[in-house]
Amino acid sequence: MLASADRVRDQQRMIWNEFSAGWHKWDAELLGWQAPFGEALLEELRLRPDSRVLDVAAGTGEPGLNVAGQVPEGSVALADISSGMLRVAEEKAAVRGLQNLDFQVCDAAAMPFGNSTFDVVYCRFGFMFFPVMSAAMAEMARTAKPGARVGAVVWGRAAANPWASLILGTIARHRELPIPPAGTPGLFRCAPTGFMARLFKDAGLADVSERQVSAELVHESPDSYWEFMTDIATTVAMGLAKADAESRALIRQDVFALLGRYEHDGAIRLRSTATVVSGTKV
């Protein structure tokens, strides 16, 4: 398992470094789309002006940069496996003049922080990709102080997320894809009801709750949606990379046809549903 997990981490580090440019390019769109999920998470975390906060799998910086502005007497550590993604976060922090930040390139299952360091620890849209989720969960619990709030956001079921399942399902129909082994990292890995709550409870957290939050991914045209997804969605780009030119053209054609079902008021509007889970370090 360890060797396999290390291979997955190495692959993820390479992939996210490669895709950091796409996340930088679509930063404004990503911020608007994912803001409701970050806001729902922060409601559960009870930030104080002097909170010490850890953002795990912080990517290009949200909601960590937003949190930094809410804890002027505290600090935020942004941890991610990808130096490329964190570089984007650092650039954004510099533009906004944020000073109370620390950036750490590290594995979520082995973070360079002391025991009981943080008042708040969270991970937004990272858990699904951790090779060993229990190890990352243990690290989050370890670094949290007694009484600290710990939270996460993960994508819900595929049927409730046509923003991704529409294009991923189309790719699958055009290519014979092997069924991945149980526990393989992927977008909908943490979707079953109660899955994340059990993970939190198994890590020793108390007062655990989870709830669903929905938003819409909005694009002005099928072309814009296609460009966005191929720039930021690693699973989409990897699936298309394994298809020949003719298959890619057919996939694109079918995706555009399906998007017609989601056109309302002059725009493509795709439902996005996530689970927000939180608990307290005992």
C-alpha atoms as a PDB file:
ATOM      1  CA  MET A   1       0.000   0.000   0.000  1.00  0.00           C
ATOM      2  CA  LEU A   2       2.808   2.414   0.921  1.00  0.00           C
ATOM      3  CA  ALA A   3       4.612   2.050  -2.416  1.00  0.00           C
ATOM      4  CA  SER A   4       1.316   2.412  -4.276  1.00  0.00           C
ATOM      5  CA  ALA A   5       0.382   5.510  -2.260  1.00  0.00           C
ATOM      6  CA  ASP A   6       3.780   7.043  -2.972  1.00  0.00           C
ATOM      7  CA  ARG A   7       3.289   6.489  -6.702  1.00  0.00           C
ATOM      8  CA  VAL A   8      -0.121   8.159  -6.560  1.00  0.00           C
ATOM      9  CA  ARG A   9       1.332  11.147  -4.672  1.00  0.00           C
ATOM     10  CA  ASP A  10       4.160  11.525  -7.177  1.00  0.00           C
ATOM     11  CA  GLN A  11       1.690  11.430 -10.051  1.00  0.00           C
ATOM     12  CA  GLN A  12      -0.622  13.926  -8.369  1.00  0.00           C
ATOM     13  CA  ARG A  13       2.242  16.309  -7.656  1.00  0.00           C
ATOM     14  CA  MET A  14       3.207  16.274 -11.328  1.00  0.00           C
ATOM     15  CA  ILE A  15      -0.376  16.647 -12.566  1.00  0.00           C
ATOM     16  CA  TRP A  16      -1.317  19.523 -10.251  1.00  0.00           C
ATOM     17  CA  ASN A  17       1.910  21.354 -11.061  1.00  0.00           C
ATOM     18  CA  GLU A  18       0.989  21.040 -14.736  1.00  0.00           C
ATOM     19  CA  PHE A  19      -2.583  22.246 -14.182  1.00  0.00           C
ATOM     20  CA  SER A  20      -1.671  25.215 -11.993  1.00  0.00           C
ATOM     21  CA  ALA A  21      -1.587  27.451 -15.085  1.00  0.00           C
ATOM     22  CA  GLY A  22      -5.185  26.528 -15.910  1.00  0.00           C
ATOM     23  CA  TRP A  23      -6.319  27.282 -12.371  1.00  0.00           C
ATOM     24  CA  HIS A  24      -4.576  30.648 -12.551  1.00  0.00           C
ATOM     25  CA  LYS A  25      -6.224  31.397 -15.888  1.00  0.00           C
ATOM     26  CA  TRP A  26      -9.745  30.620 -14.594  1.00  0.00           C
ATOM     27  CA  ASP A  27      -9.242  32.033 -11.098  1.00  0.00           C
ATOM     28  CA  ALA A  28     -12.158  34.479 -11.167  1.00  0.00           C
ATOM     29  CA  GLU A  29     -14.585  31.857 -12.472  1.00  0.00           C
ATOM     30  CA  LEU A  30     -13.411  29.303  -9.916  1.00  0.00           C
ATOM     31  CA  LEU A  31     -13.783  31.799  -7.078  1.00  0.00           C
ATOM     32  CA  GLY A  32     -17.343  32.680  -8.017  1.00  0.00           C
ATOM     33  CA  TRP A  33     -18.439  29.101  -8.559  1.00  0.00           C
ATOM     34  CA  GLN A  34     -16.917  27.573  -5.422  1.00  0.00           C
ATOM     35  CA  ALA A  35     -17.565  30.482  -3.045  1.00  0.00           C
ATOM     36  CA  PRO A  36     -20.824  29.020  -1.638  1.00  0.00           C
ATOM     37  CA  PHE A  37     -19.006  25.850  -0.598  1.00  0.00           C
ATOM     38  CA  GLY A  38     -16.221  27.753   1.124  1.00  0.00           C
ATOM     39  CA  GLU A  39     -18.728  30.017   2.880  1.00  0.00           C
ATOM     40  CA  ALA A  40     -20.730  27.014   4.129  1.00  0.00           C
ATOM     41  CA  LEU A  41     -17.551  25.433   5.462  1.00  0.00           C
ATOM     42  CA  LEU A  42     -16.425  28.585   7.268  1.00  0.00           C
ATOM     43  CA  GLU A  43     -19.829  28.856   8.955  1.00  0.00           C
ATOM     44  CA  GLU A  44     -19.026  25.566  10.688  1.00  0.00           C
ATOM     45  CA  LEU A  45     -15.504  26.526  11.768  1.00  0.00           C
ATOM     46  CA  ARG A  46     -16.220  29.478  14.092  1.00  0.00           C
ATOM     47  CA  LEU A  47     -13.238  31.642  13.220  1.00  0.00           C
ATOM     48  CA  ARG A  48     -11.975  34.239  15.709  1.00  0.00           C
ATOM     49  CA  PRO A  49      -9.781  37.233  14.883  1.00  0.00           C
ATOM     50  CA  ASP A  50      -6.810  35.494  16.523  1.00  0.00           C
ATOM     51  CA  SER A  51      -7.386  31.966  15.149  1.00  0.00           C
ATOM     52  CA  ARG A  52      -4.447  29.923  13.904  1.00  0.00           C
ATOM     53  CA  VAL A  53      -5.737  28.120  10.813  1.00  0.00           C
ATOM     54  CA  LEU A  54      -4.502  25.248   8.633  1.00  0.00           C
ATOM     55  CA  ASP A  55      -5.806  24.912   5.060  1.00  0.00           C
ATOM     56  CA  VAL A  56      -4.957  21.386   3.812  1.00  0.00           C
ATOM     57  CA  ALA A  57      -4.714  20.805   0.038  1.00  0.00           C
ATOM     58  CA  ALA A  58      -4.952  24.587  -0.285  1.00  0.00           C
ATOM     59  CA  GLY A  59      -4.306  24.652  -4.030  1.00  0.00           C
ATOM     60  CA  THR A  60      -4.330  28.179  -5.418  1.00  0.00           C
ATOM     61  CA  GLY A  61      -5.365  29.651  -2.107  1.00  0.00           C
ATOM     62  CA  GLU A  62      -9.093  29.613  -1.491  1.00  0.00           C
ATOM     63  CA  PRO A  63     -10.669  29.783   0.945  1.00  0.00           C
ATOM     64  CA  GLY A  64      -7.345  30.290   2.770  1.00  0.00           C
ATOM     65  CA  LEU A  65      -6.707  33.795   1.433  1.00  0.00           C
ATOM     66  CA  ASN A  66     -10.243  34.802   2.363  1.00  0.00           C
ATOM     67  CA  VAL A  67      -9.722  33.340   5.835  1.00  0.00           C
ATOM     68  CA  ALA A  68      -6.490  35.324   6.273  1.00  0.00           C
ATOM     69  CA  GLY A  69      -8.506  38.508   6.029  1.00  0.00           C
ATOM     70  CA  GLN A  70     -10.872  37.260   8.736  1.00  0.00           C
ATOM     71  CA  VAL A  71      -8.108  36.453  11.245  1.00  0.00           C
ATOM     72  CA  PRO A  72      -6.037  39.681  11.313  1.00  0.00           C
ATOM     73  CA  GLU A  73      -4.552  38.790  14.702  1.00  0.00           C
ATOM     74  CA  GLY A  74      -4.041  35.151  13.746  1.00  0.00           C
ATOM     75  CA  SER A  75      -2.442  33.283  10.867  1.00  0.00           C
ATOM     76  CA  VAL A  76      -3.172  30.816   8.065  1.00  0.00           C
ATOM     77  CA  ALA A  77      -0.898  27.989   6.925  1.00  0.00           C
ATOM     78  CA  LEU A  78      -1.580  26.848   3.368  1.00  0.00           C
ATOM     79  CA  ALA A  79      -0.341  23.305   2.732  1.00  0.00           C
ATOM     80  CA  ASP A  80      -0.387  21.525  -0.629  1.00  0.00           C
ATOM     81  CA  ILE A  81       1.508  18.795  -2.444  1.00  0.00           C
ATOM     82  CA  SER A  82       1.941  21.020  -5.522  1.00  0.00           C
ATOM     83  CA  SER A  83       4.496  23.830  -5.500  1.00  0.00           C
ATOM     84  CA  GLY A  84       2.940  25.144  -8.715  1.00  0.00           C
ATOM     85  CA  MET A  85      -0.491  25.576  -7.165  1.00  0.00           C
ATOM     86  CA  LEU A  86       0.935  27.230  -4.050  1.00  0.00           C
ATOM     87  CA  ARG A  87       2.979  29.575  -6.223  1.00  0.00           C
ATOM     88  CA  VAL A  88      -0.284  30.892  -7.668  1.00  0.00           C
ATOM     89  CA  ALA A  89      -1.626  31.321  -4.125  1.00  0.00           C
ATOM     90  CA  GLU A  90       1.484  33.272  -3.114  1.00  0.00           C
ATOM     91  CA  GLU A  91       1.109  35.586  -6.122  1.00  0.00           C
ATOM     92  CA  LYS A  92      -2.518  36.256  -5.230  1.00  0.00           C
ATOM     93  CA  ALA A  93      -1.621  36.906  -1.580  1.00  0.00           C
ATOM     94  CA  ALA A  94       1.040  39.421  -2.631  1.00  0.00           C
ATOM     95  CA  VAL A  95      -1.438  41.307  -4.825  1.00  0.00           C
ATOM     96  CA  ARG A  96      -3.863  41.505  -1.897  1.00  0.00           C
ATOM     97  CA  GLY A  97      -1.147  42.550   0.555  1.00  0.00           C
ATOM     98  CA  LEU A  98      -1.781  39.636   2.930  1.00  0.00           C
ATOM     99  CA  GLN A  99       1.023  39.066   5.433  1.00  0.00           C
ATOM    100  CA  ASN A 100      -0.302  36.516   7.945  1.00  0.00           C
ATOM    101  CA  LEU A 101       0.303  33.493   5.722  1.00  0.00           C
ATOM    102  CA  ASP A 102       2.684  30.545   5.631  1.00  0.00           C
ATOM    103  CA  PHE A 103       3.036  28.335   2.538  1.00  0.00           C
ATOM    104  CA  GLN A 104       4.171  24.720   2.929  1.00  0.00           C
ATOM    105  CA  VAL A 105       4.705  22.222   0.118  1.00  0.00           C
ATOM    106  CA  CYS A 106       3.973  18.872   1.776  1.00  0.00           C
ATOM    107  CA  ASP A 107       1.979  15.662   1.730  1.00  0.00           C
ATOM    108  CA  ALA A 108      -1.319  15.808   3.624  1.00  0.00           C
ATOM    109  CA  ALA A 109      -0.412  12.497   5.292  1.00  0.00           C
ATOM    110  CA  ALA A 110       2.867  13.859   6.706  1.00  0.00           C
ATOM    111  CA  MET A 111       2.592  17.575   7.479  1.00  0.00           C
ATOM    112  CA  PRO A 112       5.461  19.559   9.063  1.00  0.00           C
ATOM    113  CA  PHE A 113       3.401  21.038  11.893  1.00  0.00           C
ATOM    114  CA  GLY A 114       3.507  20.291  15.599  1.00  0.00           C
ATOM    115  CA  ASN A 115       0.834  18.524  17.609  1.00  0.00           C
ATOM    116  CA  SER A 116      -2.087  20.677  18.770  1.00  0.00           C
ATOM    117  CA  THR A 117      -0.972  23.727  16.776  1.00  0.00           C
ATOM    118  CA  PHE A 118      -4.139  25.056  15.126  1.00  0.00           C
ATOM    119  CA  ASP A 119      -7.520  26.380  16.276  1.00  0.00           C
ATOM    120  CA  VAL A 120      -9.101  25.504  12.929  1.00  0.00           C
ATOM    121  CA  VAL A 121      -8.120  22.821  10.400  1.00  0.00           C
ATOM    122  CA  TYR A 122      -9.989  22.210   7.152  1.00  0.00           C
ATOM    123  CA  CYS A 123      -9.709  20.777   3.658  1.00  0.00           C
ATOM    124  CA  ARG A 124     -11.889  21.936   0.775  1.00  0.00           C
ATOM    125  CA  PHE A 125     -12.125  19.541  -2.208  1.00  0.00           C
ATOM    126  CA  GLY A 126      -8.951  17.648  -1.389  1.00  0.00           C
ATOM    127  CA  PHE A 127      -9.999  14.493   0.460  1.00  0.00           C
ATOM    128  CA  MET A 128     -11.186  12.690  -2.671  1.00  0.00           C
ATOM    129  CA  PHE A 129      -7.626  12.679  -4.020  1.00  0.00           C
ATOM    130  CA  PHE A 130      -5.674  11.583  -0.928  1.00  0.00           C
ATOM    131  CA  PRO A 131      -4.176   8.115  -1.516  1.00  0.00           C
ATOM    132  CA  VAL A 132      -4.783   7.166   2.146  1.00  0.00           C
ATOM    133  CA  MET A 133      -7.591   9.330   3.471  1.00  0.00           C
ATOM    134  CA  SER A 134      -7.378   7.977   7.035  1.00  0.00           C
ATOM    135  CA  ALA A 135      -3.729   9.066   7.216  1.00  0.00           C
ATOM    136  CA  ALA A 136      -4.579  12.609   6.101  1.00  0.00           C
ATOM    137  CA  MET A 137      -7.496  12.682   8.541  1.00  0.00           C
ATOM    138  CA  ALA A 138      -5.194  11.584  11.363  1.00  0.00           C
ATOM    139  CA  GLU A 139      -2.780  14.395  10.506  1.00  0.00           C
ATOM    140  CA  MET A 140      -5.568  16.964  10.519  1.00  0.00           C
ATOM    141  CA  ALA A 141      -6.706  15.740  13.943  1.00  0.00           C
ATOM    142  CA  ARG A 142      -3.128  15.614  15.255  1.00  0.00           C
ATOM    143  CA  THR A 143      -2.345  19.211  14.319  1.00  0.00           C
ATOM    144  CA  ALA A 144      -5.620  20.547  15.778  1.00  0.00           C
ATOM    145  CA  LYS A 145      -5.727  21.833  19.349  1.00  0.00           C
ATOM    146  CA  PRO A 146      -8.192  20.315  21.822  1.00  0.00           C
ATOM    147  CA  GLY A 147     -11.452  22.123  21.183  1.00  0.00           C
ATOM    148  CA  ALA A 148     -10.426  23.067  17.626  1.00  0.00           C
ATOM    149  CA  ARG A 149     -12.909  22.888  14.797  1.00  0.00           C
ATOM    150  CA  VAL A 150     -12.064  20.563  11.902  1.00  0.00           C
ATOM    151  CA  GLY A 151     -13.927  20.585   8.591  1.00  0.00           C
ATOM    152  CA  ALA A 152     -13.977  19.413   4.999  1.00  0.00           C
ATOM    153  CA  VAL A 153     -15.887  19.781   1.736  1.00  0.00           C
ATOM    154  CA  VAL A 154     -16.143  16.906  -0.758  1.00  0.00           C
ATOM    155  CA  TRP A 155     -18.142  16.453  -3.933  1.00  0.00           C
ATOM    156  CA  GLY A 156     -21.485  14.673  -3.660  1.00  0.00           C
ATOM    157  CA  ARG A 157     -22.828  11.930  -5.912  1.00  0.00           C
ATOM    158  CA  ALA A 158     -22.218  12.007  -9.651  1.00  0.00           C
ATOM    159  CA  ALA A 159     -25.936  12.383 -10.421  1.00  0.00           C
ATOM    160  CA  ALA A 160     -26.019  15.591  -8.366  1.00  0.00           C
ATOM    161  CA  ASN A 161     -22.966  16.994 -10.172  1.00  0.00           C
ATOM    162  CA  PRO A 162     -23.636  17.231 -13.902  1.00  0.00           C
ATOM    163  CA  TRP A 163     -20.904  19.912 -14.099  1.00  0.00           C
ATOM    164  CA  ALA A 164     -18.465  16.964 -14.052  1.00  0.00           C
ATOM    165  CA  SER A 165     -20.482  13.792 -14.657  1.00  0.00           C
ATOM    166  CA  LEU A 166     -21.791  15.065 -18.006  1.00  0.00           C
ATOM    167  CA  ILE A 167     -18.364  15.266 -19.596  1.00  0.00           C
ATOM    168  CA  LEU A 168     -16.815  12.343 -17.679  1.00  0.00           C
ATOM    169  CA  GLY A 169     -19.745  10.094 -18.608  1.00  0.00           C
ATOM    170  CA  THR A 170     -19.393  11.063 -22.249  1.00  0.00           C
ATOM    171  CA  ILE A 171     -15.685  10.232 -22.229  1.00  0.00           C
ATOM    172  CA  ALA A 172     -16.473   6.855 -20.637  1.00  0.00           C
ATOM    173  CA  ARG A 173     -19.061   6.039 -23.309  1.00  0.00           C
ATOM    174  CA  HIS A 174     -16.523   6.637 -26.065  1.00  0.00           C
ATOM    175  CA  ARG A 175     -13.713   4.697 -24.442  1.00  0.00           C
ATOM    176  CA  GLU A 176     -13.494   1.339 -22.739  1.00  0.00           C
ATOM    177  CA  LEU A 177     -12.294   2.292 -19.291  1.00  0.00           C
ATOM    178  CA  PRO A 178     -11.285  -0.310 -16.695  1.00  0.00           C
ATOM    179  CA  ILE A 179     -13.248  -0.179 -13.449  1.00  0.00           C
ATOM    180  CA  PRO A 180     -10.869   1.365 -10.891  1.00  0.00           C
ATOM    181  CA  PRO A 181     -10.213  -0.568  -7.676  1.00  0.00           C
ATOM    182  CA  ALA A 182     -12.230   0.434  -4.619  1.00  0.00           C
ATOM    183  CA  GLY A 183     -10.660   3.394  -2.863  1.00  0.00           C
ATOM    184  CA  THR A 184      -9.000   4.811  -5.973  1.00  0.00           C
ATOM    185  CA  PRO A 185      -8.738   8.629  -5.790  1.00  0.00           C
ATOM    186  CA  GLY A 186     -11.489  10.337  -7.769  1.00  0.00           C
ATOM    187  CA  LEU A 187     -14.074  13.119  -7.711  1.00  0.00           C
ATOM    188  CA  PHE A 188     -16.957  11.122  -6.243  1.00  0.00           C
ATOM    189  CA  ARG A 189     -15.024   8.827  -3.934  1.00  0.00           C
ATOM    190  CA  CYS A 190     -16.320  10.499  -0.758  1.00  0.00           C
ATOM    191  CA  ALA A 191     -19.909  10.955  -1.941  1.00  0.00           C
ATOM    192  CA  PRO A 192     -21.861   8.249  -0.035  1.00  0.00           C
ATOM    193  CA  THR A 193     -24.002   9.652   2.767  1.00  0.00           C
ATOM    194  CA  GLY A 194     -22.199   9.363   6.081  1.00  0.00           C
ATOM    195  CA  PHE A 195     -18.827   8.471   4.536  1.00  0.00           C
ATOM    196  CA  MET A 196     -17.047  11.611   5.714  1.00  0.00           C
ATOM    197  CA  ALA A 197     -18.826  11.636   9.074  1.00  0.00           C
ATOM    198  CA  ARG A 198     -17.497   8.136   9.769  1.00  0.00           C
ATOM    199  CA  LEU A 199     -13.990   9.221   8.774  1.00  0.00           C
ATOM    200  CA  PHE A 200     -14.172  12.149  11.209  1.00  0.00           C
ATOM    201  CA  LYS A 201     -15.520   9.994  14.033  1.00  0.00           C
ATOM    202  CA  ASP A 202     -12.895   7.320  13.450  1.00  0.00           C
ATOM    203  CA  ALA A 203     -10.245  10.049  13.900  1.00  0.00           C
ATOM    204  CA  GLY A 204     -11.656  10.770  17.365  1.00  0.00           C
ATOM    205  CA  LEU A 205     -13.589  13.940  16.536  1.00  0.00           C
ATOM    206  CA  ALA A 206     -16.813  14.763  18.386  1.00  0.00           C
ATOM    207  CA  ASP A 207     -20.001  16.674  17.516  1.00  0.00           C
ATOM    208  CA  VAL A 208     -19.658  15.529  13.907  1.00  0.00           C
ATOM    209  CA  SER A 209     -22.269  16.726  11.414  1.00  0.00           C
ATOM    210  CA  GLU A 210     -22.604  16.871   7.645  1.00  0.00           C
ATOM    211  CA  ARG A 211     -24.905  18.700   5.266  1.00  0.00           C
ATOM    212  CA  GLN A 212     -25.401  19.194   1.548  1.00  0.00           C
ATOM    213  CA  VAL A 213     -24.717  22.485  -0.254  1.00  0.00           C
ATOM    214  CA  SER A 214     -25.494  23.197  -3.912  1.00  0.00           C
ATOM    215  CA  ALA A 215     -24.458  25.876  -6.390  1.00  0.00           C
ATOM    216  CA  GLU A 216     -24.352  26.332 -10.159  1.00  0.00           C
ATOM    217  CA  LEU A 217     -21.421  26.324 -12.546  1.00  0.00           C
ATOM    218  CA  VAL A 218     -22.412  28.940 -15.130  1.00  0.00           C
ATOM    219  CA  HIS A 219     -20.828  29.390 -18.573  1.00  0.00           C
ATOM    220  CA  GLU A 220     -21.922  31.598 -21.425  1.00  0.00           C
ATOM    221  CA  SER A 221     -21.449  28.905 -24.070  1.00  0.00           C
ATOM    222  CA  PRO A 222     -20.541  25.255 -24.645  1.00  0.00           C
ATOM    223  CA  ASP A 223     -17.159  26.408 -25.934  1.00  0.00           C
ATOM    224  CA  SER A 224     -16.434  28.241 -22.687  1.00  0.00           C
ATOM    225  CA  TYR A 225     -17.458  25.211 -20.607  1.00  0.00           C
ATOM    226  CA  TRP A 226     -15.288  22.872 -22.703  1.00  0.00           C
ATOM    227  CA  GLU A 227     -12.244  25.132 -22.411  1.00  0.00           C
ATOM    228  CA  PHE A 228     -12.760  25.520 -18.665  1.00  0.00           C
ATOM    229  CA  MET A 229     -13.089  21.791 -18.006  1.00  0.00           C
ATOM    230  CA  THR A 230     -10.106  20.806 -20.125  1.00  0.00           C
ATOM    231  CA  ASP A 231      -7.990  23.478 -18.420  1.00  0.00           C
ATOM    232  CA  ILE A 232      -8.849  22.760 -14.772  1.00  0.00           C
ATOM    233  CA  ALA A 233     -10.283  19.229 -14.475  1.00  0.00           C
ATOM    234  CA  THR A 234      -7.418  16.756 -14.331  1.00  0.00           C
ATOM    235  CA  THR A 235      -9.703  13.733 -14.719  1.00  0.00           C
ATOM    236  CA  VAL A 236     -11.204  15.198 -17.899  1.00  0.00           C
ATOM    237  CA  ALA A 237      -7.865  16.099 -19.459  1.00  0.00           C
ATOM    238  CA  MET A 238      -6.384  12.699 -18.648  1.00  0.00           C
ATOM    239  CA  GLY A 239      -9.377  10.917 -20.143  1.00  0.00           C
ATOM    240  CA  LEU A 240      -9.204  12.954 -23.334  1.00  0.00           C
ATOM    241  CA  ALA A 241      -5.439  12.470 -23.607  1.00  0.00           C
ATOM    242  CA  LYS A 242      -5.982   8.729 -23.978  1.00  0.00           C
ATOM    243  CA  ALA A 243      -8.473   9.166 -26.831  1.00  0.00           C
ATOM    244  CA  ASP A 244      -7.496   9.568 -30.470  1.00  0.00           C
ATOM    245  CA  ALA A 245      -8.343  12.707 -32.447  1.00  0.00           C
ATOM    246  CA  GLU A 246     -11.526  11.237 -33.942  1.00  0.00           C
ATOM    247  CA  SER A 247     -12.808  10.112 -30.543  1.00  0.00           C
ATOM    248  CA  ARG A 248     -12.028  13.493 -28.977  1.00  0.00           C
ATOM    249  CA  ALA A 249     -14.019  15.223 -31.703  1.00  0.00           C
ATOM    250  CA  LEU A 250     -16.989  12.901 -31.135  1.00  0.00           C
ATOM    251  CA  ILE A 251     -16.790  13.399 -27.370  1.00  0.00           C
ATOM    252  CA  ARG A 252     -16.826  17.159 -27.819  1.00  0.00           C
ATOM    253  CA  GLN A 253     -19.773  16.933 -30.201  1.00  0.00           C
ATOM    254  CA  ASP A 254     -21.779  14.794 -27.768  1.00  0.00           C
ATOM    255  CA  VAL A 255     -20.950  17.053 -24.813  1.00  0.00           C
ATOM    256  CA  PHE A 256     -22.147  20.112 -26.715  1.00  0.00           C
ATOM    257  CA  ALA A 257     -25.404  18.327 -27.580  1.00  0.00           C
ATOM    258  CA  LEU A 258     -26.007  17.370 -23.948  1.00  0.00           C
ATOM    259  CA  LEU A 259     -25.290  20.885 -22.715  1.00  0.00           C
ATOM    260  CA  GLY A 260     -28.379  22.080 -24.550  1.00  0.00           C
ATOM    261  CA  ARG A 261     -30.467  20.536 -21.771  1.00  0.00           C
ATOM    262  CA  TYR A 262     -28.838  22.852 -19.262  1.00  0.00           C
ATOM    263  CA  GLU A 263     -29.272  26.149 -21.100  1.00  0.00           C
ATOM    264  CA  HIS A 264     -31.429  28.626 -19.195  1.00  0.00           C
ATOM    265  CA  ASP A 265     -31.678  32.391 -19.524  1.00  0.00           C
ATOM    266  CA  GLY A 266     -28.953  32.509 -22.169  1.00  0.00           C
ATOM    267  CA  ALA A 267     -26.318  30.535 -20.253  1.00  0.00           C
ATOM    268  CA  ILE A 268     -25.255  26.978 -19.470  1.00  0.00           C
ATOM    269  CA  ARG A 269     -26.140  26.252 -15.813  1.00  0.00           C
ATOM    270  CA  LEU A 270     -24.858  23.034 -14.281  1.00  0.00           C
ATOM    271  CA  ARG A 271     -25.721  21.865 -10.789  1.00  0.00           C
ATOM    272  CA  SER A 272     -22.847  21.316  -8.343  1.00  0.00           C
ATOM    273  CA  THR A 273     -23.469  19.581  -5.014  1.00  0.00           C
ATOM    274  CA  ALA A 274     -21.047  19.005  -2.156  1.00  0.00           C
ATOM    275  CA  THR A 275     -21.043  17.659   1.390  1.00  0.00           C
ATOM    276  CA  VAL A 276     -19.790  19.899   4.188  1.00  0.00           C
ATOM    277  CA  VAL A 277     -18.653  17.957   7.267  1.00  0.00           C
ATOM    278  CA  SER A 278     -17.316  19.307  10.554  1.00  0.00           C
ATOM    279  CA  GLY A 279     -16.366  18.137  14.029  1.00  0.00           C
ATOM    280  CA  THR A 280     -14.510  19.131  17.178  1.00  0.00           C
ATOM    281  CA  LYS A 281     -11.128  17.883  18.422  1.00  0.00           C
ATOM    282  CA  VAL A 282     -11.651  16.340  21.839  1.00  0.00           C
END
